[in-house]
């Protein structure tokens, strides 16, 4: 292999490596410290550039989620139907590798801290 080809392969590997590590796509487990106590939920994220979509699975079933992931910051929003009406929920987290930590705004019902790990 020529030196040029070897250098080109190295350059592609160096540029591609950070992008591959910047993906949060896949299955995650979130441990939520809710006002009602500890709660484990599962998330499956799909990523298209900065756009995130997916499903959150908790005690009330599956909920579609959407948001953004930029510069290691995740922002999600979704609505949960409750007997008292719709509840708009927002999640903000800092992601480090295969772990995240953040806050959930429970739409007028307070806030909750959480941590997450990629499965």
Protein backbone atom coordinates (compact mmCIF):
# COMPACT_ATOMS: atom_id res chain seq x y z
CA UNK A 1 0.00 0.00 0.00
CA UNK A 2 1.36 3.41 -0.89
CA UNK A 3 2.16 6.00 1.76
CA UNK A 4 -0.54 8.26 0.35
CA UNK A 5 -3.20 5.55 0.67
CA UNK A 6 -2.05 4.70 4.18
CA UNK A 7 -2.14 8.38 5.18
CA UNK A 8 -5.62 8.74 3.67
CA UNK A 9 -6.90 5.71 5.62
CA UNK A 10 -5.42 7.11 8.83
CA UNK A 11 -7.02 10.53 8.22
CA UNK A 12 -10.44 8.96 7.58
CA UNK A 13 -10.15 6.86 10.75
CA UNK A 14 -9.21 9.89 12.86
CA UNK A 15 -12.10 11.98 11.51
CA UNK A 16 -14.67 9.15 11.72
CA UNK A 17 -13.81 7.98 15.24
CA UNK A 18 -15.20 11.01 17.13
CA UNK A 19 -18.44 10.89 15.15
CA UNK A 20 -18.96 7.20 15.93
CA UNK A 21 -18.44 7.88 19.64
CA UNK A 22 -20.92 10.77 19.54
CA UNK A 23 -23.93 8.54 18.84
CA UNK A 24 -26.47 7.78 21.53
CA UNK A 25 -28.50 5.48 19.27
CA UNK A 26 -29.50 2.22 20.90
CA UNK A 27 -31.10 0.93 24.09
CA UNK A 28 -30.67 2.70 27.44
CA UNK A 29 -31.88 2.16 30.99
CA UNK A 30 -32.77 5.27 33.01
CA UNK A 31 -32.92 5.28 36.80
CA UNK A 32 -35.28 8.08 37.85
CA UNK A 33 -35.53 9.53 41.38
CA UNK A 34 -39.18 10.55 41.03
CA UNK A 35 -41.32 12.23 43.73
CA UNK A 36 -43.02 8.82 44.15
CA UNK A 37 -39.70 6.98 44.58
CA UNK A 38 -37.12 5.23 42.40
CA UNK A 39 -38.28 4.21 38.94
CA UNK A 40 -36.49 2.35 36.13
CA UNK A 41 -37.50 3.04 32.53
CA UNK A 42 -36.11 1.87 29.21
CA UNK A 43 -35.41 4.06 26.19
CA UNK A 44 -34.54 3.21 22.64
CA UNK A 45 -33.00 6.11 20.73
CA UNK A 46 -32.66 6.56 16.98
CA UNK A 47 -30.32 9.28 15.79
CA UNK A 48 -30.23 11.20 12.51
CA UNK A 49 -27.53 13.85 12.87
CA UNK A 50 -28.62 16.07 15.78
CA UNK A 51 -32.21 14.77 15.73
CA UNK A 52 -33.26 12.10 18.22
CA UNK A 53 -36.42 10.01 18.15
CA UNK A 54 -37.43 6.84 19.89
CA UNK A 55 -39.53 5.16 22.52
CA UNK A 56 -39.58 5.40 26.30
CA UNK A 57 -41.06 2.39 28.10
CA UNK A 58 -42.25 2.82 31.66
CA UNK A 59 -45.00 1.59 33.99
CA UNK A 60 -47.69 3.31 31.87
CA UNK A 61 -46.47 1.73 28.62
CA UNK A 62 -44.65 3.11 25.58
CA UNK A 63 -44.34 6.80 24.73
CA UNK A 64 -42.84 8.29 21.56
CA UNK A 65 -40.03 10.75 22.29
CA UNK A 66 -38.24 13.34 20.16
CA UNK A 67 -35.50 15.89 20.65
CA UNK A 68 -31.92 16.84 19.90
CA UNK A 69 -28.42 15.76 20.81
CA UNK A 70 -25.69 18.38 20.36
CA UNK A 71 -22.28 18.74 21.98
CA UNK A 72 -22.96 15.94 24.49
CA UNK A 73 -26.27 17.54 25.57
CA UNK A 74 -29.54 15.64 25.16
CA UNK A 75 -32.89 17.46 25.12
CA UNK A 76 -36.12 15.47 24.78
CA UNK A 77 -39.81 16.30 25.00
CA UNK A 78 -42.90 14.13 25.03
CA UNK A 79 -46.48 14.05 26.30
CA UNK A 80 -47.98 11.43 28.62
CA UNK A 81 -51.72 10.95 28.88
CA UNK A 82 -52.92 10.74 32.48
CA UNK A 83 -56.41 10.57 34.03
CA UNK A 84 -55.99 14.28 34.89
CA UNK A 85 -55.10 15.18 31.28
CA UNK A 86 -51.96 15.44 29.19
CA UNK A 87 -48.63 15.93 30.96
CA UNK A 88 -45.83 17.60 28.96
CA UNK A 89 -42.44 16.25 30.04
CA UNK A 90 -38.98 17.59 29.19
CA UNK A 91 -35.66 15.82 29.73
CA UNK A 92 -32.23 17.47 29.71
CA UNK A 93 -29.06 15.44 30.18
CA UNK A 94 -25.30 15.54 29.84
CA UNK A 95 -23.95 12.47 28.07
CA UNK A 96 -20.49 11.04 28.72
CA UNK A 97 -19.72 7.95 26.66
CA UNK A 98 -22.33 5.35 27.54
CA UNK A 99 -23.71 7.19 30.57
CA UNK A 100 -25.97 10.20 31.06
CA UNK A 101 -27.13 12.31 33.97
CA UNK A 102 -29.82 14.94 34.04
CA UNK A 103 -33.17 16.39 35.07
CA UNK A 104 -36.74 15.61 34.10
CA UNK A 105 -39.29 18.43 34.22
CA UNK A 106 -42.56 16.69 35.08
CA UNK A 107 -44.74 19.49 33.72
CA UNK A 108 -46.09 21.14 36.86
CA UNK A 109 -45.61 18.07 39.06
CA UNK A 110 -42.03 18.93 39.98
CA UNK A 111 -38.67 17.72 38.78
CA UNK A 112 -36.69 14.51 39.10
CA UNK A 113 -32.99 13.68 38.77
CA UNK A 114 -31.96 10.65 36.75
CA UNK A 115 -28.98 8.70 35.54
CA UNK A 116 -28.80 6.45 32.51
CA UNK A 117 -26.62 3.72 31.05
CA UNK A 118 -26.47 2.32 27.57
CA UNK A 119 -27.36 -1.37 27.43
